[in-house]
């Protein structure tokens, strides 16, 4: 199958959303504007998981066997993950915020606790390992609905329990519906896509996007009143309203056939940008100091996107050149 450009563009938007979440997290002193912008980006990680499920399915990733599938996926994501885990782990040891022992090393490399964003890779690898199971489950609407029920139960048990992690790592059950939905799209792609292309559907999706984001903000406010979690914790992507918001975002890109070239270019380097940008934010934190202005936040966001993209692109080019010379 030829590349589906709307999803390449959506991948670019998703990494921009991730950076928005992490930059705005430094500006909670600004108040409501920072919180709202933080929530705007909450579709990001769910979209990455949806695109992963879709991509594996549409390319028939198991055609050469399960073992070859896992080897191929491991080679694609683990070298960079392990390299960046070592970097972040070393930085924390130097700062004295992490103790060097067996338990810590397990949490860092197995559960992705070397930095706040690294949980995503162990989560993704778990979904790779269980892909044959989810492929079977997601062939049917009832199967996808079952993953939705499990995800919602996991989310709200975690929220009302006051803990969003699982053994020091990601609670994988709070994310499985996205992967399952992506697989379902992959299995039904040729049927679903034409149905989303009418002007009427596009208008409905636009309205639903606005309503789903309003619901997201409302849910956060309601949960604040009935749980023990702080507002910072309730800004999490692990909320039911985020599921609606994220799925509508995917459907909008499919319906409106969005193929913005800039987003596609950014999307090609999304994984590298994802792993690298928190280190850049650490550096900017030392330069900027106090973060008390929404204007400074937007400038920092733009700077982070531009620098992270450029440096990641340069690193990829250097790696390619090195391989060619060695080869």
C-alpha atoms as a PDB file:
ATOM      1  CA  UNK A   1       0.000   0.000   0.000  1.00  0.00           C
ATOM      2  CA  UNK A   2       1.154   3.531  -0.808  1.00  0.00           C
ATOM      3  CA  UNK A   3       1.873   5.824   2.145  1.00  0.00           C
ATOM      4  CA  UNK A   4      -1.277   7.384   3.541  1.00  0.00           C
ATOM      5  CA  UNK A   5      -0.217  11.021   3.804  1.00  0.00           C
ATOM      6  CA  UNK A   6      -2.947  12.212   6.233  1.00  0.00           C
ATOM      7  CA  UNK A   7      -1.567   9.841   8.873  1.00  0.00           C
ATOM      8  CA  UNK A   8       1.996  10.965   8.159  1.00  0.00           C
ATOM      9  CA  UNK A   9       0.787  14.517   8.799  1.00  0.00           C
ATOM     10  CA  UNK A  10      -1.107  13.400  11.904  1.00  0.00           C
ATOM     11  CA  UNK A  11       2.102  11.880  13.280  1.00  0.00           C
ATOM     12  CA  UNK A  12       3.732  15.300  12.897  1.00  0.00           C
ATOM     13  CA  UNK A  13       0.848  16.995  14.695  1.00  0.00           C
ATOM     14  CA  UNK A  14       1.051  14.395  17.475  1.00  0.00           C
ATOM     15  CA  UNK A  15       4.703  15.146  18.249  1.00  0.00           C
ATOM     16  CA  UNK A  16       3.853  18.859  18.294  1.00  0.00           C
ATOM     17  CA  UNK A  17       1.142  17.954  20.810  1.00  0.00           C
ATOM     18  CA  UNK A  18       3.614  16.049  22.985  1.00  0.00           C
ATOM     19  CA  UNK A  19       5.972  19.038  23.072  1.00  0.00           C
ATOM     20  CA  UNK A  20       3.053  21.360  23.908  1.00  0.00           C
ATOM     21  CA  UNK A  21       2.135  19.147  26.880  1.00  0.00           C
ATOM     22  CA  UNK A  22       5.678  19.129  28.226  1.00  0.00           C
ATOM     23  CA  UNK A  23       6.417  22.826  27.673  1.00  0.00           C
ATOM     24  CA  UNK A  24       3.124  23.968  29.196  1.00  0.00           C
ATOM     25  CA  UNK A  25       3.789  21.725  32.198  1.00  0.00           C
ATOM     26  CA  UNK A  26       6.537  24.145  33.231  1.00  0.00           C
ATOM     27  CA  UNK A  27       4.130  27.090  33.202  1.00  0.00           C
ATOM     28  CA  UNK A  28       1.432  26.100  35.677  1.00  0.00           C
ATOM     29  CA  UNK A  29       2.119  29.365  37.507  1.00  0.00           C
ATOM     30  CA  UNK A  30       0.493  31.105  34.520  1.00  0.00           C
ATOM     31  CA  UNK A  31      -2.797  29.447  35.442  1.00  0.00           C
ATOM     32  CA  UNK A  32      -5.743  28.636  33.168  1.00  0.00           C
ATOM     33  CA  UNK A  33      -4.096  29.441  29.784  1.00  0.00           C
ATOM     34  CA  UNK A  34      -1.277  26.952  30.428  1.00  0.00           C
ATOM     35  CA  UNK A  35      -3.736  24.298  31.646  1.00  0.00           C
ATOM     36  CA  UNK A  36      -5.943  24.710  28.561  1.00  0.00           C
ATOM     37  CA  UNK A  37      -2.971  24.538  26.176  1.00  0.00           C
ATOM     38  CA  UNK A  38      -1.732  21.465  28.036  1.00  0.00           C
ATOM     39  CA  UNK A  39      -5.073  19.771  27.431  1.00  0.00           C
ATOM     40  CA  UNK A  40      -5.072  20.741  23.751  1.00  0.00           C
ATOM     41  CA  UNK A  41      -2.132  18.366  23.221  1.00  0.00           C
ATOM     42  CA  UNK A  42      -3.659  15.402  25.048  1.00  0.00           C
ATOM     43  CA  UNK A  43      -4.571  13.601  21.829  1.00  0.00           C
ATOM     44  CA  UNK A  44      -0.860  13.091  21.111  1.00  0.00           C
ATOM     45  CA  UNK A  45       0.158   9.786  22.744  1.00  0.00           C
ATOM     46  CA  UNK A  46      -3.241   8.168  22.019  1.00  0.00           C
ATOM     47  CA  UNK A  47      -2.814   9.116  18.356  1.00  0.00           C
ATOM     48  CA  UNK A  48       0.676   7.566  18.271  1.00  0.00           C
ATOM     49  CA  UNK A  49      -0.801   4.301  19.572  1.00  0.00           C
ATOM     50  CA  UNK A  50      -3.675   4.411  17.081  1.00  0.00           C
ATOM     51  CA  UNK A  51      -1.215   4.979  14.237  1.00  0.00           C
ATOM     52  CA  UNK A  52       0.946   2.094  15.494  1.00  0.00           C
ATOM     53  CA  UNK A  53      -1.993  -0.322  15.477  1.00  0.00           C
ATOM     54  CA  UNK A  54      -3.083   0.906  12.056  1.00  0.00           C
ATOM     55  CA  UNK A  55       0.421   0.762  10.561  1.00  0.00           C
ATOM     56  CA  UNK A  56       1.151  -2.773  11.768  1.00  0.00           C
ATOM     57  CA  UNK A  57      -2.154  -4.004  10.384  1.00  0.00           C
ATOM     58  CA  UNK A  58      -2.229  -2.213   7.038  1.00  0.00           C
ATOM     59  CA  UNK A  59       1.275  -3.530   6.221  1.00  0.00           C
ATOM     60  CA  UNK A  60       0.495  -7.105   7.321  1.00  0.00           C
ATOM     61  CA  UNK A  61       3.421  -7.084   9.751  1.00  0.00           C
ATOM     62  CA  UNK A  62       3.043 -10.739  10.751  1.00  0.00           C
ATOM     63  CA  UNK A  63       3.403 -12.083   7.193  1.00  0.00           C
ATOM     64  CA  UNK A  64       6.986 -13.266   7.865  1.00  0.00           C
ATOM     65  CA  UNK A  65       6.179 -14.745  11.257  1.00  0.00           C
ATOM     66  CA  UNK A  66       5.884 -13.477  14.811  1.00  0.00           C
ATOM     67  CA  UNK A  67       9.590 -13.877  15.603  1.00  0.00           C
ATOM     68  CA  UNK A  68      10.711 -11.824  12.614  1.00  0.00           C
ATOM     69  CA  UNK A  69       8.079  -9.229  13.459  1.00  0.00           C
ATOM     70  CA  UNK A  70       9.437  -8.762  16.989  1.00  0.00           C
ATOM     71  CA  UNK A  71      13.043  -8.644  15.778  1.00  0.00           C
ATOM     72  CA  UNK A  72      12.185  -5.974  13.208  1.00  0.00           C
ATOM     73  CA  UNK A  73      10.265  -3.837  15.716  1.00  0.00           C
ATOM     74  CA  UNK A  74      13.011  -4.254  18.336  1.00  0.00           C
ATOM     75  CA  UNK A  75      15.681  -3.061  15.915  1.00  0.00           C
ATOM     76  CA  UNK A  76      13.557  -0.062  15.040  1.00  0.00           C
ATOM     77  CA  UNK A  77      12.797   1.283  18.526  1.00  0.00           C
ATOM     78  CA  UNK A  78      15.105  -0.270  21.139  1.00  0.00           C
ATOM     79  CA  UNK A  79      18.574   1.052  20.189  1.00  0.00           C
ATOM     80  CA  UNK A  80      17.497   4.697  20.483  1.00  0.00           C
ATOM     81  CA  UNK A  81      15.408   3.951  23.564  1.00  0.00           C
ATOM     82  CA  UNK A  82      18.293   2.269  25.390  1.00  0.00           C
ATOM     83  CA  UNK A  83      20.720   5.013  24.354  1.00  0.00           C
ATOM     84  CA  UNK A  84      18.485   7.783  25.632  1.00  0.00           C
ATOM     85  CA  UNK A  85      17.659   5.814  28.789  1.00  0.00           C
ATOM     86  CA  UNK A  86      21.388   5.682  29.575  1.00  0.00           C
ATOM     87  CA  UNK A  87      21.714   9.426  28.940  1.00  0.00           C
ATOM     88  CA  UNK A  88      18.786  10.395  31.183  1.00  0.00           C
ATOM     89  CA  UNK A  89      19.789   7.841  33.819  1.00  0.00           C
ATOM     90  CA  UNK A  90      23.330   9.259  33.910  1.00  0.00           C
ATOM     91  CA  UNK A  91      22.029  12.823  34.223  1.00  0.00           C
ATOM     92  CA  UNK A  92      19.844  11.860  37.187  1.00  0.00           C
ATOM     93  CA  UNK A  93      22.736  10.062  38.889  1.00  0.00           C
ATOM     94  CA  UNK A  94      24.944  13.134  38.440  1.00  0.00           C
ATOM     95  CA  UNK A  95      22.237  15.326  39.965  1.00  0.00           C
ATOM     96  CA  UNK A  96      21.707  12.869  42.812  1.00  0.00           C
ATOM     97  CA  UNK A  97      17.999  12.386  42.046  1.00  0.00           C
ATOM     98  CA  UNK A  98      18.364   8.630  41.360  1.00  0.00           C
ATOM     99  CA  UNK A  99      20.291   5.998  43.299  1.00  0.00           C
ATOM    100  CA  UNK A 100      22.248   3.386  41.368  1.00  0.00           C
ATOM    101  CA  UNK A 101      20.863  -0.034  42.355  1.00  0.00           C
ATOM    102  CA  UNK A 102      19.193  -3.054  40.751  1.00  0.00           C
ATOM    103  CA  UNK A 103      15.626  -1.899  41.441  1.00  0.00           C
ATOM    104  CA  UNK A 104      16.273   1.501  39.878  1.00  0.00           C
ATOM    105  CA  UNK A 105      17.902  -0.032  36.819  1.00  0.00           C
ATOM    106  CA  UNK A 106      14.899  -2.326  36.286  1.00  0.00           C
ATOM    107  CA  UNK A 107      12.547   0.649  36.543  1.00  0.00           C
ATOM    108  CA  UNK A 108      14.698   2.707  34.185  1.00  0.00           C
ATOM    109  CA  UNK A 109      15.225   0.167  31.409  1.00  0.00           C
ATOM    110  CA  UNK A 110      12.159  -2.097  31.728  1.00  0.00           C
ATOM    111  CA  UNK A 111       9.487   0.409  32.771  1.00  0.00           C
ATOM    112  CA  UNK A 112      10.948   3.549  31.200  1.00  0.00           C
ATOM    113  CA  UNK A 113      11.363   5.661  34.336  1.00  0.00           C
ATOM    114  CA  UNK A 114      14.643   7.348  33.318  1.00  0.00           C
ATOM    115  CA  UNK A 115      12.596  10.425  32.384  1.00  0.00           C
ATOM    116  CA  UNK A 116       8.916  11.331  32.475  1.00  0.00           C
ATOM    117  CA  UNK A 117       8.259  10.600  28.773  1.00  0.00           C
ATOM    118  CA  UNK A 118      10.188   7.341  28.389  1.00  0.00           C
ATOM    119  CA  UNK A 119       7.276   5.170  29.586  1.00  0.00           C
ATOM    120  CA  UNK A 120       5.906   5.263  26.041  1.00  0.00           C
ATOM    121  CA  UNK A 121       8.495   2.878  24.564  1.00  0.00           C
ATOM    122  CA  UNK A 122       7.966  -0.012  27.064  1.00  0.00           C
ATOM    123  CA  UNK A 123       4.225   0.545  26.606  1.00  0.00           C
ATOM    124  CA  UNK A 124       4.588   0.340  22.830  1.00  0.00           C
ATOM    125  CA  UNK A 125       6.795  -2.741  23.047  1.00  0.00           C
ATOM    126  CA  UNK A 126       4.226  -4.471  25.266  1.00  0.00           C
ATOM    127  CA  UNK A 127       1.653  -3.802  22.551  1.00  0.00           C
ATOM    128  CA  UNK A 128       4.021  -5.234  19.935  1.00  0.00           C
ATOM    129  CA  UNK A 129       4.411  -8.413  22.000  1.00  0.00           C
ATOM    130  CA  UNK A 130       0.642  -8.774  22.371  1.00  0.00           C
ATOM    131  CA  UNK A 131      -0.170  -7.658  18.806  1.00  0.00           C
ATOM    132  CA  UNK A 132      -1.385 -11.121  17.611  1.00  0.00           C
ATOM    133  CA  UNK A 133      -3.880 -11.160  20.497  1.00  0.00           C
ATOM    134  CA  UNK A 134      -5.153  -7.645  19.785  1.00  0.00           C
ATOM    135  CA  UNK A 135      -5.328  -8.423  16.065  1.00  0.00           C
ATOM    136  CA  UNK A 136      -7.775 -11.221  16.804  1.00  0.00           C
ATOM    137  CA  UNK A 137      -9.765  -9.192  19.305  1.00  0.00           C
ATOM    138  CA  UNK A 138     -10.017  -6.100  17.120  1.00  0.00           C
ATOM    139  CA  UNK A 139     -11.493  -7.858  14.096  1.00  0.00           C
ATOM    140  CA  UNK A 140     -14.913  -7.278  15.597  1.00  0.00           C
ATOM    141  CA  UNK A 141     -16.618  -4.177  16.951  1.00  0.00           C
ATOM    142  CA  UNK A 142     -17.397  -6.043  20.170  1.00  0.00           C
ATOM    143  CA  UNK A 143     -13.695  -6.743  20.631  1.00  0.00           C
ATOM    144  CA  UNK A 144     -12.798  -3.064  20.330  1.00  0.00           C
ATOM    145  CA  UNK A 145     -15.650  -2.233  22.705  1.00  0.00           C
ATOM    146  CA  UNK A 146     -14.219  -4.751  25.207  1.00  0.00           C
ATOM    147  CA  UNK A 147     -10.857  -2.971  25.140  1.00  0.00           C
ATOM    148  CA  UNK A 148     -12.712   0.301  25.702  1.00  0.00           C
ATOM    149  CA  UNK A 149     -14.364  -1.114  28.833  1.00  0.00           C
ATOM    150  CA  UNK A 150     -11.031  -2.413  30.156  1.00  0.00           C
ATOM    151  CA  UNK A 151      -9.348   0.923  29.424  1.00  0.00           C
ATOM    152  CA  UNK A 152     -12.057   2.947  31.160  1.00  0.00           C
ATOM    153  CA  UNK A 153     -12.026   0.675  34.210  1.00  0.00           C
ATOM    154  CA  UNK A 154      -8.231   0.915  34.402  1.00  0.00           C
ATOM    155  CA  UNK A 155      -8.277   4.702  34.027  1.00  0.00           C
ATOM    156  CA  UNK A 156     -10.836   5.412  36.709  1.00  0.00           C
ATOM    157  CA  UNK A 157      -9.590   2.788  39.161  1.00  0.00           C
ATOM    158  CA  UNK A 158      -6.178   4.455  38.849  1.00  0.00           C
ATOM    159  CA  UNK A 159      -7.631   7.953  39.263  1.00  0.00           C
ATOM    160  CA  UNK A 160      -9.749   7.118  42.312  1.00  0.00           C
ATOM    161  CA  UNK A 161      -6.888   5.053  43.734  1.00  0.00           C
ATOM    162  CA  UNK A 162      -4.676   8.116  43.526  1.00  0.00           C
ATOM    163  CA  UNK A 163      -1.962   6.419  41.421  1.00  0.00           C
ATOM    164  CA  UNK A 164      -1.630   6.643  37.645  1.00  0.00           C
ATOM    165  CA  UNK A 165       1.409   4.359  37.303  1.00  0.00           C
ATOM    166  CA  UNK A 166       1.758   0.567  37.491  1.00  0.00           C
ATOM    167  CA  UNK A 167       4.751  -0.923  39.352  1.00  0.00           C
ATOM    168  CA  UNK A 168       6.675   2.285  38.670  1.00  0.00           C
ATOM    169  CA  UNK A 169       5.851   2.128  34.942  1.00  0.00           C
ATOM    170  CA  UNK A 170       2.934   2.780  32.593  1.00  0.00           C
ATOM    171  CA  UNK A 171      -0.443   1.235  33.327  1.00  0.00           C
ATOM    172  CA  UNK A 172      -0.721  -0.548  29.993  1.00  0.00           C
ATOM    173  CA  UNK A 173      -4.426  -1.290  30.391  1.00  0.00           C
ATOM    174  CA  UNK A 174      -5.214   2.426  30.333  1.00  0.00           C
ATOM    175  CA  UNK A 175      -3.993   2.618  26.725  1.00  0.00           C
ATOM    176  CA  UNK A 176      -5.077  -0.575  24.952  1.00  0.00           C
ATOM    177  CA  UNK A 177      -8.243   0.833  23.358  1.00  0.00           C
ATOM    178  CA  UNK A 178      -6.164   3.147  21.169  1.00  0.00           C
ATOM    179  CA  UNK A 179      -4.043   0.311  19.803  1.00  0.00           C
ATOM    180  CA  UNK A 180      -7.141  -1.824  19.272  1.00  0.00           C
ATOM    181  CA  UNK A 181      -8.985   0.987  17.493  1.00  0.00           C
ATOM    182  CA  UNK A 182      -5.965   1.536  15.227  1.00  0.00           C
ATOM    183  CA  UNK A 183      -5.971  -2.160  14.300  1.00  0.00           C
ATOM    184  CA  UNK A 184      -9.709  -1.972  13.564  1.00  0.00           C
ATOM    185  CA  UNK A 185      -9.135   0.992  11.243  1.00  0.00           C
ATOM    186  CA  UNK A 186      -6.391  -0.977   9.489  1.00  0.00           C
ATOM    187  CA  UNK A 187      -8.705  -3.951   8.977  1.00  0.00           C
ATOM    188  CA  UNK A 188     -11.580  -1.791   7.725  1.00  0.00           C
ATOM    189  CA  UNK A 189      -9.644   1.034   6.092  1.00  0.00           C
ATOM    190  CA  UNK A 190     -11.130   0.810   2.597  1.00  0.00           C
ATOM    191  CA  UNK A 191     -14.663   0.715   4.019  1.00  0.00           C
ATOM    192  CA  UNK A 192     -14.304   3.484   6.600  1.00  0.00           C
ATOM    193  CA  UNK A 193     -12.368   6.127   4.646  1.00  0.00           C
ATOM    194  CA  UNK A 194     -14.931   6.833   1.848  1.00  0.00           C
ATOM    195  CA  UNK A 195     -17.730   7.206   4.420  1.00  0.00           C
ATOM    196  CA  UNK A 196     -15.887  10.031   6.167  1.00  0.00           C
ATOM    197  CA  UNK A 197     -15.388  12.164   3.054  1.00  0.00           C
ATOM    198  CA  UNK A 198     -18.798  13.869   2.781  1.00  0.00           C
ATOM    199  CA  UNK A 199     -19.192  17.573   3.644  1.00  0.00           C
ATOM    200  CA  UNK A 200     -21.857  16.667   6.200  1.00  0.00           C
ATOM    201  CA  UNK A 201     -19.540  14.267   8.060  1.00  0.00           C
ATOM    202  CA  UNK A 202     -16.730  16.819   8.011  1.00  0.00           C
ATOM    203  CA  UNK A 203     -19.001  19.418   9.593  1.00  0.00           C
ATOM    204  CA  UNK A 204     -20.226  16.972  12.241  1.00  0.00           C
ATOM    205  CA  UNK A 205     -16.666  15.975  13.114  1.00  0.00           C
ATOM    206  CA  UNK A 206     -15.670  19.647  13.469  1.00  0.00           C
ATOM    207  CA  UNK A 207     -18.521  20.247  15.903  1.00  0.00           C
ATOM    208  CA  UNK A 208     -17.722  17.052  17.804  1.00  0.00           C
ATOM    209  CA  UNK A 209     -14.076  18.112  18.108  1.00  0.00           C
ATOM    210  CA  UNK A 210     -15.097  21.342  19.846  1.00  0.00           C
ATOM    211  CA  UNK A 211     -17.568  19.521  22.101  1.00  0.00           C
ATOM    212  CA  UNK A 212     -15.090  16.766  22.986  1.00  0.00           C
ATOM    213  CA  UNK A 213     -12.475  19.312  24.037  1.00  0.00           C
ATOM    214  CA  UNK A 214     -15.059  21.120  26.183  1.00  0.00           C
ATOM    215  CA  UNK A 215     -15.916  17.742  27.739  1.00  0.00           C
ATOM    216  CA  UNK A 216     -12.230  17.145  28.427  1.00  0.00           C
ATOM    217  CA  UNK A 217     -11.953  20.394  30.394  1.00  0.00           C
ATOM    218  CA  UNK A 218     -15.237  19.703  32.194  1.00  0.00           C
ATOM    219  CA  UNK A 219     -14.144  16.201  33.215  1.00  0.00           C
ATOM    220  CA  UNK A 220     -10.914  17.542  34.655  1.00  0.00           C
ATOM    221  CA  UNK A 221     -12.867  20.055  36.725  1.00  0.00           C
ATOM    222  CA  UNK A 222     -15.352  17.431  37.944  1.00  0.00           C
ATOM    223  CA  UNK A 223     -12.606  14.960  38.897  1.00  0.00           C
ATOM    224  CA  UNK A 224     -10.829  17.651  40.861  1.00  0.00           C
ATOM    225  CA  UNK A 225     -13.882  17.949  43.091  1.00  0.00           C
ATOM    226  CA  UNK A 226     -14.326  14.225  43.792  1.00  0.00           C
ATOM    227  CA  UNK A 227     -10.764  12.831  43.911  1.00  0.00           C
ATOM    228  CA  UNK A 228      -7.670  13.398  46.006  1.00  0.00           C
ATOM    229  CA  UNK A 229      -5.475  14.100  42.966  1.00  0.00           C
ATOM    230  CA  UNK A 230      -4.015  17.533  42.304  1.00  0.00           C
ATOM    231  CA  UNK A 231      -4.829  19.503  39.160  1.00  0.00           C
ATOM    232  CA  UNK A 232      -1.387  18.628  37.744  1.00  0.00           C
ATOM    233  CA  UNK A 233      -2.199  14.911  38.043  1.00  0.00           C
ATOM    234  CA  UNK A 234      -5.680  15.366  36.564  1.00  0.00           C
ATOM    235  CA  UNK A 235      -4.186  16.933  33.447  1.00  0.00           C
ATOM    236  CA  UNK A 236      -3.219  13.355  32.481  1.00  0.00           C
ATOM    237  CA  UNK A 237      -4.203  11.790  29.146  1.00  0.00           C
ATOM    238  CA  UNK A 238      -5.752   8.882  31.078  1.00  0.00           C
ATOM    239  CA  UNK A 239      -9.314  10.211  31.063  1.00  0.00           C
ATOM    240  CA  UNK A 240     -12.389   8.972  29.222  1.00  0.00           C
ATOM    241  CA  UNK A 241     -12.898  12.300  27.460  1.00  0.00           C
ATOM    242  CA  UNK A 242      -9.409  12.015  25.946  1.00  0.00           C
ATOM    243  CA  UNK A 243     -10.512   8.822  24.173  1.00  0.00           C
ATOM    244  CA  UNK A 244     -13.315  10.702  22.409  1.00  0.00           C
ATOM    245  CA  UNK A 245     -11.089  13.701  21.672  1.00  0.00           C
ATOM    246  CA  UNK A 246      -8.303  11.538  20.202  1.00  0.00           C
ATOM    247  CA  UNK A 247     -10.521   9.340  18.031  1.00  0.00           C
ATOM    248  CA  UNK A 248     -12.257  12.394  16.570  1.00  0.00           C
ATOM    249  CA  UNK A 249      -8.848  13.917  15.797  1.00  0.00           C
ATOM    250  CA  UNK A 250      -7.929  10.800  13.789  1.00  0.00           C
ATOM    251  CA  UNK A 251     -11.263  10.828  11.963  1.00  0.00           C
ATOM    252  CA  UNK A 252     -10.867  14.514  11.075  1.00  0.00           C
ATOM    253  CA  UNK A 253      -7.524  13.839   9.378  1.00  0.00           C
ATOM    254  CA  UNK A 254      -9.108  10.945   7.474  1.00  0.00           C
ATOM    255  CA  UNK A 255     -12.204  12.955   6.550  1.00  0.00           C
ATOM    256  CA  UNK A 256     -10.540  16.217   5.557  1.00  0.00           C
ATOM    257  CA  UNK A 257      -7.550  14.436   3.945  1.00  0.00           C
ATOM    258  CA  UNK A 258      -5.074  16.752   5.698  1.00  0.00           C
ATOM    259  CA  UNK A 259      -1.637  16.424   4.102  1.00  0.00           C
ATOM    260  CA  UNK A 260       0.261  19.517   5.289  1.00  0.00           C
ATOM    261  CA  UNK A 261       3.847  19.132   4.043  1.00  0.00           C
ATOM    262  CA  UNK A 262       5.416  20.688   7.138  1.00  0.00           C
ATOM    263  CA  UNK A 263       3.595  18.233   9.415  1.00  0.00           C
ATOM    264  CA  UNK A 264       4.687  15.332   7.207  1.00  0.00           C
ATOM    265  CA  UNK A 265       8.331  16.446   7.437  1.00  0.00           C
ATOM    266  CA  UNK A 266       8.127  16.762  11.223  1.00  0.00           C
ATOM    267  CA  UNK A 267       6.351  13.412  11.460  1.00  0.00           C
ATOM    268  CA  UNK A 268       9.247  11.613   9.744  1.00  0.00           C
ATOM    269  CA  UNK A 269      11.450  12.455  12.733  1.00  0.00           C
ATOM    270  CA  UNK A 270       8.774  12.134  15.442  1.00  0.00           C
ATOM    271  CA  UNK A 271      10.429   9.297  17.377  1.00  0.00           C
ATOM    272  CA  UNK A 272      13.812  10.997  17.626  1.00  0.00           C
ATOM    273  CA  UNK A 273      12.207  14.308  18.566  1.00  0.00           C
ATOM    274  CA  UNK A 274      10.120  12.536  21.200  1.00  0.00           C
ATOM    275  CA  UNK A 275      13.153  11.021  22.909  1.00  0.00           C
ATOM    276  CA  UNK A 276      15.339  14.136  22.667  1.00  0.00           C
ATOM    277  CA  UNK A 277      13.119  17.141  23.448  1.00  0.00           C
ATOM    278  CA  UNK A 278      12.995  16.786  27.302  1.00  0.00           C
ATOM    279  CA  UNK A 279      16.786  17.132  27.383  1.00  0.00           C
ATOM    280  CA  UNK A 280      16.421  20.328  25.373  1.00  0.00           C
ATOM    281  CA  UNK A 281      13.806  21.555  27.865  1.00  0.00           C
ATOM    282  CA  UNK A 282      16.281  20.918  30.698  1.00  0.00           C
ATOM    283  CA  UNK A 283      18.806  23.155  28.946  1.00  0.00           C
ATOM    284  CA  UNK A 284      16.224  25.845  28.243  1.00  0.00           C
ATOM    285  CA  UNK A 285      15.164  25.700  31.888  1.00  0.00           C
ATOM    286  CA  UNK A 286      18.650  26.817  32.922  1.00  0.00           C
ATOM    287  CA  UNK A 287      18.632  29.604  30.344  1.00  0.00           C
ATOM    288  CA  UNK A 288      15.115  30.931  30.891  1.00  0.00           C
ATOM    289  CA  UNK A 289      14.830  30.483  34.657  1.00  0.00           C
ATOM    290  CA  UNK A 290      11.450  31.652  35.925  1.00  0.00           C
ATOM    291  CA  UNK A 291       8.569  30.730  33.633  1.00  0.00           C
ATOM    292  CA  UNK A 292       5.782  33.175  34.410  1.00  0.00           C
ATOM    293  CA  UNK A 293       4.502  34.452  31.056  1.00  0.00           C
ATOM    294  CA  UNK A 294       2.320  32.865  28.392  1.00  0.00           C
ATOM    295  CA  UNK A 295       4.330  34.764  25.746  1.00  0.00           C
ATOM    296  CA  UNK A 296       7.583  33.242  27.010  1.00  0.00           C
ATOM    297  CA  UNK A 297       5.888  29.840  26.993  1.00  0.00           C
ATOM    298  CA  UNK A 298       4.877  30.152  23.338  1.00  0.00           C
ATOM    299  CA  UNK A 299       8.375  31.322  22.401  1.00  0.00           C
ATOM    300  CA  UNK A 300       9.905  28.407  24.286  1.00  0.00           C
ATOM    301  CA  UNK A 301       7.508  26.041  22.527  1.00  0.00           C
ATOM    302  CA  UNK A 302       8.491  27.329  19.081  1.00  0.00           C
ATOM    303  CA  UNK A 303      12.196  27.207  19.981  1.00  0.00           C
ATOM    304  CA  UNK A 304      11.876  23.636  21.263  1.00  0.00           C
ATOM    305  CA  UNK A 305      10.099  22.457  18.106  1.00  0.00           C
ATOM    306  CA  UNK A 306      12.576  24.118  15.740  1.00  0.00           C
ATOM    307  CA  UNK A 307      15.741  23.093  17.606  1.00  0.00           C
ATOM    308  CA  UNK A 308      14.552  19.534  18.299  1.00  0.00           C
ATOM    309  CA  UNK A 309      13.539  19.021  14.664  1.00  0.00           C
ATOM    310  CA  UNK A 310      16.786  20.451  13.238  1.00  0.00           C
ATOM    311  CA  UNK A 311      19.092  18.544  15.587  1.00  0.00           C
ATOM    312  CA  UNK A 312      17.189  15.286  15.109  1.00  0.00           C
ATOM    313  CA  UNK A 313      17.302  15.686  11.337  1.00  0.00           C
ATOM    314  CA  UNK A 314      21.053  16.378  11.479  1.00  0.00           C
ATOM    315  CA  UNK A 315      21.608  13.321  13.686  1.00  0.00           C
ATOM    316  CA  UNK A 316      19.679  11.107  11.263  1.00  0.00           C
ATOM    317  CA  UNK A 317      21.675  12.452   8.316  1.00  0.00           C
ATOM    318  CA  UNK A 318      24.982  11.848  10.106  1.00  0.00           C
ATOM    319  CA  UNK A 319      23.926   8.315  11.033  1.00  0.00           C
ATOM    320  CA  UNK A 320      22.970   7.588   7.427  1.00  0.00           C
ATOM    321  CA  UNK A 321      26.279   8.964   6.128  1.00  0.00           C
ATOM    322  CA  UNK A 322      28.228   6.889   8.670  1.00  0.00           C
ATOM    323  CA  UNK A 323      26.400   3.708   7.666  1.00  0.00           C
ATOM    324  CA  UNK A 324      27.120   4.348   3.993  1.00  0.00           C
ATOM    325  CA  UNK A 325      30.831   4.836   4.678  1.00  0.00           C
ATOM    326  CA  UNK A 326      31.074   1.740   6.869  1.00  0.00           C
ATOM    327  CA  UNK A 327      28.981  -0.290   4.446  1.00  0.00           C
END
